[in-house]
């Protein structure tokens, strides 16, 4: 089902097919990027972005890129450099009804004051980095 959304100021609008569940990333970079909480991100396909002239990117590592609205600063998505966008910030969606938290990642960095989500899969930093390393190795060996 098509979902629509926008940044805070409306300069960037999205249309995509969004999954039913989303993830919460508790890595320290996402905590800094969001101002303290996790980045809630939802997997999307068939993404269309309108207002690309307002889109800005910050390359925070040799492989990652955080993308935001250059007008209002809204977090738009995180992606691997040179790869297509797979997840967008959940808060962009106009309608989040029926969505559920399916997994939490980098849970070993979750703040003590934030409880884990009941029923959501829990993944630690070592597991996530191993998955990323394995993915990057298969991508470079193709």
N, C-alpha and C. Protein backbone atom coordinates (compact mmCIF):
# COMPACT_ATOMS: atom_id res chain seq x y z
N UNK A 1 0.84 -1.18 0.00
CA UNK A 1 0.00 0.00 0.00
C UNK A 1 0.89 1.25 0.00
N UNK A 2 0.54 2.23 -0.81
CA UNK A 2 1.31 3.46 -0.91
C UNK A 2 1.20 4.28 0.36
N UNK A 3 2.32 4.81 0.79
CA UNK A 3 2.36 5.74 1.91
C UNK A 3 2.92 7.05 1.41
N UNK A 4 2.48 8.13 2.01
CA UNK A 4 3.00 9.45 1.68
C UNK A 4 3.57 10.06 2.95
N UNK A 5 4.39 11.08 2.79
CA UNK A 5 4.95 11.74 3.95
C UNK A 5 5.71 12.98 3.56
N UNK A 6 6.19 13.68 4.59
CA UNK A 6 6.95 14.90 4.34
C UNK A 6 7.79 15.26 5.55
N UNK A 7 8.75 16.14 5.31
CA UNK A 7 9.54 16.70 6.40
C UNK A 7 8.70 17.74 7.14
N UNK A 8 9.26 18.33 8.17
CA UNK A 8 8.53 19.30 8.99
C UNK A 8 8.03 20.50 8.19
N UNK A 9 8.85 21.01 7.28
CA UNK A 9 8.46 22.21 6.53
C UNK A 9 7.74 21.90 5.22
N UNK A 10 7.76 20.64 4.79
CA UNK A 10 7.10 20.25 3.55
C UNK A 10 7.93 20.42 2.30
N UNK A 11 9.18 20.85 2.44
CA UNK A 11 10.05 21.02 1.27
C UNK A 11 10.38 19.68 0.62
N UNK A 12 10.42 18.61 1.41
CA UNK A 12 10.70 17.27 0.90
C UNK A 12 9.47 16.41 1.16
N UNK A 13 8.94 15.81 0.10
CA UNK A 13 7.79 14.91 0.21
C UNK A 13 8.20 13.55 -0.33
N UNK A 14 7.64 12.51 0.27
CA UNK A 14 7.94 11.15 -0.19
C UNK A 14 6.66 10.39 -0.50
N UNK A 15 6.79 9.45 -1.39
CA UNK A 15 5.77 8.45 -1.68
C UNK A 15 6.50 7.13 -1.77
N UNK A 16 5.98 6.11 -1.09
CA UNK A 16 6.66 4.81 -1.08
C UNK A 16 5.68 3.73 -0.62
N UNK A 17 6.09 2.50 -0.83
CA UNK A 17 5.40 1.37 -0.23
C UNK A 17 6.16 1.07 1.05
N UNK A 18 5.49 1.18 2.19
CA UNK A 18 6.13 1.00 3.50
C UNK A 18 5.73 -0.35 4.11
N UNK A 19 6.69 -0.95 4.80
CA UNK A 19 6.44 -2.22 5.50
C UNK A 19 5.44 -2.01 6.63
N UNK A 20 4.99 -3.11 7.23
CA UNK A 20 4.07 -3.04 8.36
C UNK A 20 4.79 -2.81 9.68
N UNK A 21 6.07 -3.20 9.72
CA UNK A 21 6.82 -3.03 10.97
C UNK A 21 8.01 -2.10 10.73
N UNK A 22 8.49 -1.52 11.82
CA UNK A 22 9.63 -0.61 11.74
C UNK A 22 10.65 -1.02 12.79
N UNK A 23 11.83 -0.39 12.73
CA UNK A 23 12.89 -0.69 13.68
C UNK A 23 13.28 0.55 14.46
N UNK A 24 13.87 0.31 15.61
CA UNK A 24 14.42 1.39 16.44
C UNK A 24 15.92 1.14 16.53
N UNK A 25 16.70 2.10 16.06
CA UNK A 25 18.16 1.98 16.14
C UNK A 25 18.65 2.81 17.32
N UNK A 26 19.36 2.13 18.23
CA UNK A 26 19.85 2.77 19.45
C UNK A 26 21.35 3.08 19.39
N UNK A 27 21.97 3.02 18.20
CA UNK A 27 23.40 3.31 18.14
C UNK A 27 23.63 4.75 18.61
N UNK A 28 24.84 5.02 19.08
CA UNK A 28 25.11 6.36 19.61
C UNK A 28 25.00 7.44 18.54
N UNK A 29 25.28 7.11 17.29
CA UNK A 29 25.14 8.09 16.21
C UNK A 29 23.67 8.47 16.01
N UNK A 30 22.77 7.48 16.04
CA UNK A 30 21.34 7.78 15.89
C UNK A 30 20.84 8.58 17.09
N UNK A 31 21.35 8.28 18.27
CA UNK A 31 20.94 9.04 19.45
C UNK A 31 21.34 10.51 19.30
N UNK A 32 22.54 10.75 18.79
CA UNK A 32 22.97 12.14 18.58
C UNK A 32 22.16 12.81 17.48
N UNK A 33 21.88 12.05 16.41
CA UNK A 33 21.17 12.59 15.26
C UNK A 33 19.73 12.96 15.61
N UNK A 34 19.10 12.16 16.48
CA UNK A 34 17.70 12.41 16.83
C UNK A 34 17.55 13.26 18.08
N UNK A 35 18.64 13.54 18.77
CA UNK A 35 18.56 14.34 19.98
C UNK A 35 18.36 13.52 21.24
N UNK A 36 18.61 12.23 21.19
CA UNK A 36 18.57 11.43 22.40
C UNK A 36 17.85 10.11 22.30
N UNK A 37 16.90 10.01 21.45
CA UNK A 37 16.15 8.76 21.34
C UNK A 37 16.66 7.92 20.19
N UNK A 38 16.03 6.80 19.96
CA UNK A 38 16.43 6.00 18.81
C UNK A 38 15.92 6.62 17.51
N UNK A 39 16.50 6.19 16.40
CA UNK A 39 15.95 6.52 15.10
C UNK A 39 14.93 5.44 14.77
N UNK A 40 13.68 5.81 14.65
CA UNK A 40 12.65 4.88 14.21
C UNK A 40 12.62 4.94 12.70
N UNK A 41 12.90 3.80 12.06
CA UNK A 41 13.00 3.77 10.60
C UNK A 41 12.17 2.61 10.07
N UNK A 42 11.58 2.83 8.90
CA UNK A 42 10.71 1.83 8.29
C UNK A 42 11.22 1.49 6.90
N UNK A 43 11.22 0.19 6.59
CA UNK A 43 11.67 -0.28 5.27
C UNK A 43 10.67 0.17 4.21
N UNK A 44 11.20 0.67 3.09
CA UNK A 44 10.36 1.14 1.99
C UNK A 44 10.86 0.57 0.66
N UNK A 45 9.94 0.50 -0.28
CA UNK A 45 10.27 0.17 -1.67
C UNK A 45 9.55 1.20 -2.54
N UNK A 46 9.92 1.24 -3.80
CA UNK A 46 9.29 2.16 -4.76
C UNK A 46 9.26 3.60 -4.24
N UNK A 47 10.36 4.03 -3.65
CA UNK A 47 10.46 5.36 -3.05
C UNK A 47 10.57 6.44 -4.12
N UNK A 48 9.75 7.47 -4.00
CA UNK A 48 9.84 8.65 -4.84
C UNK A 48 10.00 9.86 -3.93
N UNK A 49 10.97 10.68 -4.22
CA UNK A 49 11.24 11.88 -3.42
C UNK A 49 10.98 13.11 -4.27
N UNK A 50 10.13 13.98 -3.76
CA UNK A 50 9.89 15.27 -4.40
C UNK A 50 10.54 16.34 -3.52
N UNK A 51 11.20 17.29 -4.16
CA UNK A 51 11.89 18.34 -3.42
C UNK A 51 13.35 17.99 -3.17
N UNK A 52 13.94 17.23 -4.08
CA UNK A 52 15.33 16.79 -3.89
C UNK A 52 16.32 17.95 -3.78
N UNK A 53 15.95 19.13 -4.25
CA UNK A 53 16.84 20.27 -4.13
C UNK A 53 17.04 20.68 -2.67
N UNK A 54 16.13 20.27 -1.77
CA UNK A 54 16.27 20.57 -0.35
C UNK A 54 17.00 19.46 0.42
N UNK A 55 17.26 18.33 -0.22
CA UNK A 55 17.88 17.19 0.44
C UNK A 55 19.38 17.41 0.59
N UNK A 56 19.88 17.18 1.80
CA UNK A 56 21.31 17.30 2.11
C UNK A 56 21.77 16.00 2.75
N UNK A 57 23.06 15.70 2.59
CA UNK A 57 23.61 14.46 3.14
C UNK A 57 24.87 14.75 3.93
N UNK A 58 25.06 13.95 4.95
CA UNK A 58 26.27 14.01 5.77
C UNK A 58 26.87 12.61 5.79
N UNK A 59 28.08 12.48 5.26
CA UNK A 59 28.76 11.17 5.25
C UNK A 59 29.50 11.03 6.56
N UNK A 60 28.98 10.18 7.42
CA UNK A 60 29.50 10.06 8.78
C UNK A 60 30.52 8.94 8.95
N UNK A 61 30.73 8.14 7.92
CA UNK A 61 31.73 7.06 8.00
C UNK A 61 32.16 6.73 6.58
N UNK A 62 33.02 5.74 6.46
CA UNK A 62 33.48 5.31 5.13
C UNK A 62 32.36 4.66 4.34
N UNK A 63 31.26 4.26 5.01
CA UNK A 63 30.19 3.53 4.32
C UNK A 63 28.79 4.10 4.54
N UNK A 64 28.60 4.98 5.52
CA UNK A 64 27.25 5.44 5.83
C UNK A 64 27.01 6.91 5.52
N UNK A 65 25.75 7.22 5.34
CA UNK A 65 25.34 8.58 4.99
C UNK A 65 24.00 8.87 5.67
N UNK A 66 23.92 10.00 6.35
CA UNK A 66 22.67 10.44 6.99
C UNK A 66 22.13 11.60 6.16
N UNK A 67 20.84 11.51 5.85
CA UNK A 67 20.25 12.46 4.92
C UNK A 67 19.11 13.21 5.62
N UNK A 68 19.05 14.52 5.38
CA UNK A 68 18.11 15.38 6.08
C UNK A 68 17.62 16.49 5.16
N UNK A 69 16.57 17.17 5.58
CA UNK A 69 16.08 18.33 4.85
C UNK A 69 16.98 19.52 5.16
N UNK A 70 17.53 20.13 4.14
CA UNK A 70 18.41 21.28 4.33
C UNK A 70 17.66 22.54 4.74
N UNK A 71 16.35 22.54 4.64
CA UNK A 71 15.56 23.71 5.03
C UNK A 71 15.20 23.65 6.52
N UNK A 72 14.61 22.53 6.96
CA UNK A 72 14.13 22.45 8.35
C UNK A 72 14.94 21.50 9.23
N UNK A 73 15.83 20.70 8.64
CA UNK A 73 16.69 19.80 9.42
C UNK A 73 16.09 18.45 9.74
N UNK A 74 14.88 18.15 9.28
CA UNK A 74 14.25 16.87 9.56
C UNK A 74 15.10 15.71 9.05
N UNK A 75 15.30 14.69 9.90
CA UNK A 75 15.97 13.46 9.49
C UNK A 75 15.09 12.76 8.46
N UNK A 76 15.66 12.43 7.30
CA UNK A 76 14.90 11.78 6.24
C UNK A 76 15.20 10.28 6.18
N UNK A 77 16.49 9.94 6.09
CA UNK A 77 16.86 8.53 6.03
C UNK A 77 18.35 8.38 6.26
N UNK A 78 18.73 7.14 6.54
CA UNK A 78 20.11 6.72 6.65
C UNK A 78 20.32 5.69 5.56
N UNK A 79 21.49 5.70 4.93
CA UNK A 79 21.73 4.70 3.89
C UNK A 79 23.21 4.41 3.75
N UNK A 80 23.51 3.28 3.14
CA UNK A 80 24.88 2.95 2.78
C UNK A 80 25.24 3.78 1.55
N UNK A 81 26.43 4.35 1.53
CA UNK A 81 26.85 5.17 0.39
C UNK A 81 26.84 4.32 -0.87
N UNK A 82 26.32 4.88 -1.93
CA UNK A 82 26.28 4.20 -3.22
C UNK A 82 25.20 3.15 -3.33
N UNK A 83 24.37 2.99 -2.33
CA UNK A 83 23.30 2.00 -2.35
C UNK A 83 21.95 2.72 -2.39
N UNK A 84 20.93 1.99 -2.75
CA UNK A 84 19.60 2.60 -2.77
C UNK A 84 19.07 2.75 -1.35
N UNK A 85 18.09 3.58 -1.19
CA UNK A 85 17.49 3.86 0.11
C UNK A 85 16.57 2.70 0.47
N UNK A 86 16.77 2.13 1.65
CA UNK A 86 15.94 1.02 2.09
C UNK A 86 15.02 1.40 3.24
N UNK A 87 15.43 2.36 4.05
CA UNK A 87 14.65 2.76 5.22
C UNK A 87 14.50 4.28 5.23
N UNK A 88 13.34 4.77 5.66
CA UNK A 88 13.15 6.20 5.90
C UNK A 88 12.71 6.39 7.34
N UNK A 89 12.87 7.59 7.84
CA UNK A 89 12.44 7.90 9.19
C UNK A 89 10.92 7.74 9.29
N UNK A 90 10.48 6.98 10.27
CA UNK A 90 9.06 6.69 10.45
C UNK A 90 8.23 7.97 10.58
N UNK A 91 8.77 8.97 11.24
CA UNK A 91 8.03 10.21 11.48
C UNK A 91 7.66 10.97 10.22
N UNK A 92 8.26 10.63 9.08
CA UNK A 92 7.90 11.28 7.82
C UNK A 92 6.51 10.89 7.35
N UNK A 93 6.08 9.66 7.69
CA UNK A 93 4.82 9.15 7.15
C UNK A 93 3.62 9.93 7.67
N UNK A 94 2.71 10.25 6.76
CA UNK A 94 1.48 10.94 7.14
C UNK A 94 0.58 10.04 7.97
N UNK A 95 0.54 8.76 7.67
CA UNK A 95 -0.32 7.81 8.38
C UNK A 95 0.55 6.65 8.88
N UNK A 96 0.71 6.57 10.18
CA UNK A 96 1.50 5.49 10.79
C UNK A 96 0.62 4.44 11.45
N UNK A 97 -0.68 4.55 11.25
CA UNK A 97 -1.59 3.59 11.88
C UNK A 97 -1.31 2.18 11.36
N UNK A 98 -1.43 1.21 12.25
CA UNK A 98 -1.21 -0.18 11.88
C UNK A 98 0.25 -0.59 11.85
N UNK A 99 1.17 0.32 12.05
CA UNK A 99 2.59 -0.02 12.05
C UNK A 99 2.98 -0.49 13.45
N UNK A 100 3.95 -1.41 13.52
CA UNK A 100 4.38 -1.91 14.83
C UNK A 100 5.91 -1.96 14.88
N UNK A 101 6.44 -1.85 16.08
CA UNK A 101 7.88 -1.94 16.29
C UNK A 101 8.27 -3.41 16.22
N UNK A 102 9.01 -3.79 15.18
CA UNK A 102 9.38 -5.18 14.96
C UNK A 102 10.72 -5.56 15.53
N UNK A 103 11.66 -4.60 15.55
CA UNK A 103 12.99 -4.92 16.07
C UNK A 103 13.67 -3.68 16.61
N UNK A 104 14.55 -3.91 17.56
CA UNK A 104 15.42 -2.88 18.09
C UNK A 104 16.84 -3.33 17.80
N UNK A 105 17.65 -2.41 17.29
CA UNK A 105 19.03 -2.75 16.96
C UNK A 105 19.98 -1.88 17.78
N UNK A 106 21.20 -2.40 17.97
CA UNK A 106 22.21 -1.75 18.82
C UNK A 106 21.66 -1.56 20.24
N UNK A 107 20.98 -2.60 20.73
CA UNK A 107 20.31 -2.50 22.04
C UNK A 107 21.30 -2.36 23.19
N UNK A 108 22.55 -2.74 22.98
CA UNK A 108 23.54 -2.56 24.04
C UNK A 108 23.88 -1.08 24.23
N UNK A 109 23.37 -0.21 23.38
CA UNK A 109 23.56 1.25 23.52
C UNK A 109 22.27 1.96 23.92
N UNK A 110 21.19 1.20 24.10
CA UNK A 110 19.91 1.80 24.51
C UNK A 110 20.10 2.47 25.87
N UNK A 111 19.63 3.70 26.04
CA UNK A 111 19.77 4.37 27.34
C UNK A 111 19.07 3.58 28.45
N UNK A 112 19.64 3.63 29.65
CA UNK A 112 19.07 2.91 30.79
C UNK A 112 17.63 3.30 31.07
N UNK A 113 17.28 4.54 30.79
CA UNK A 113 15.94 5.04 31.10
C UNK A 113 14.89 4.62 30.08
N UNK A 114 15.31 3.98 28.98
CA UNK A 114 14.38 3.59 27.93
C UNK A 114 14.20 2.07 27.95
N UNK A 115 13.02 1.58 28.32
CA UNK A 115 12.82 0.13 28.38
C UNK A 115 12.78 -0.49 26.99
N UNK A 116 13.05 -1.79 26.92
CA UNK A 116 12.95 -2.49 25.64
C UNK A 116 11.49 -2.65 25.27
N UNK A 117 11.23 -2.79 24.00
CA UNK A 117 9.87 -2.94 23.50
C UNK A 117 9.47 -4.41 23.57
N UNK A 118 8.42 -4.67 24.27
CA UNK A 118 7.94 -6.04 24.42
C UNK A 118 7.54 -6.61 23.06
N UNK A 119 8.04 -7.80 22.77
CA UNK A 119 7.70 -8.47 21.52
C UNK A 119 8.58 -8.10 20.34
N UNK A 120 9.43 -7.10 20.47
CA UNK A 120 10.32 -6.71 19.38
C UNK A 120 11.62 -7.51 19.47
N UNK A 121 12.12 -7.96 18.33
CA UNK A 121 13.41 -8.67 18.30
C UNK A 121 14.49 -7.72 18.79
N UNK A 122 15.48 -8.26 19.50
CA UNK A 122 16.56 -7.47 20.08
C UNK A 122 17.88 -7.89 19.45
N UNK A 123 18.63 -6.91 18.90
CA UNK A 123 19.90 -7.21 18.24
C UNK A 123 20.99 -6.29 18.80
N UNK A 124 22.14 -6.90 19.11
CA UNK A 124 23.28 -6.18 19.70
C UNK A 124 24.22 -5.65 18.62
N UNK A 125 25.08 -4.71 19.01
CA UNK A 125 26.02 -4.08 18.08
C UNK A 125 26.87 -5.11 17.34
N UNK A 126 27.44 -6.07 18.04
CA UNK A 126 28.32 -7.05 17.39
C UNK A 126 27.57 -7.81 16.29
N UNK A 127 26.33 -8.16 16.55
CA UNK A 127 25.52 -8.86 15.56
C UNK A 127 25.25 -7.98 14.34
N UNK A 128 24.91 -6.72 14.57
CA UNK A 128 24.61 -5.81 13.48
C UNK A 128 25.86 -5.51 12.64
N UNK A 129 27.00 -5.33 13.30
CA UNK A 129 28.24 -5.07 12.56
C UNK A 129 28.67 -6.29 11.76
N UNK A 130 28.47 -7.49 12.30
CA UNK A 130 28.79 -8.72 11.56
C UNK A 130 27.90 -8.83 10.32
N UNK A 131 26.62 -8.49 10.46
CA UNK A 131 25.71 -8.51 9.31
C UNK A 131 26.15 -7.50 8.26
N UNK A 132 26.52 -6.31 8.68
CA UNK A 132 26.97 -5.28 7.75
C UNK A 132 28.25 -5.72 7.04
N UNK A 133 29.22 -6.24 7.79
CA UNK A 133 30.47 -6.70 7.19
C UNK A 133 30.21 -7.79 6.16
N UNK A 134 29.34 -8.75 6.50
CA UNK A 134 29.02 -9.83 5.56
C UNK A 134 28.35 -9.28 4.31
N UNK A 135 27.44 -8.33 4.48
CA UNK A 135 26.77 -7.72 3.33
C UNK A 135 27.78 -6.98 2.45
N UNK A 136 28.63 -6.17 3.07
CA UNK A 136 29.62 -5.41 2.28
C UNK A 136 30.58 -6.33 1.54
N UNK A 137 30.96 -7.46 2.13
CA UNK A 137 31.84 -8.41 1.46
C UNK A 137 31.17 -9.03 0.24
N UNK A 138 29.90 -9.39 0.36
CA UNK A 138 29.20 -9.97 -0.79
C UNK A 138 29.00 -8.94 -1.87
N UNK A 139 28.77 -7.68 -1.50
CA UNK A 139 28.59 -6.61 -2.48
C UNK A 139 29.87 -6.35 -3.26
N UNK A 140 31.03 -6.39 -2.59
CA UNK A 140 32.28 -6.09 -3.27
C UNK A 140 32.80 -7.28 -4.07
N UNK A 141 32.31 -8.48 -3.76
CA UNK A 141 32.80 -9.66 -4.47
C UNK A 141 31.96 -9.96 -5.72
N UNK A 142 30.89 -9.20 -5.96
CA UNK A 142 30.04 -9.44 -7.14
C UNK A 142 30.66 -8.92 -8.41
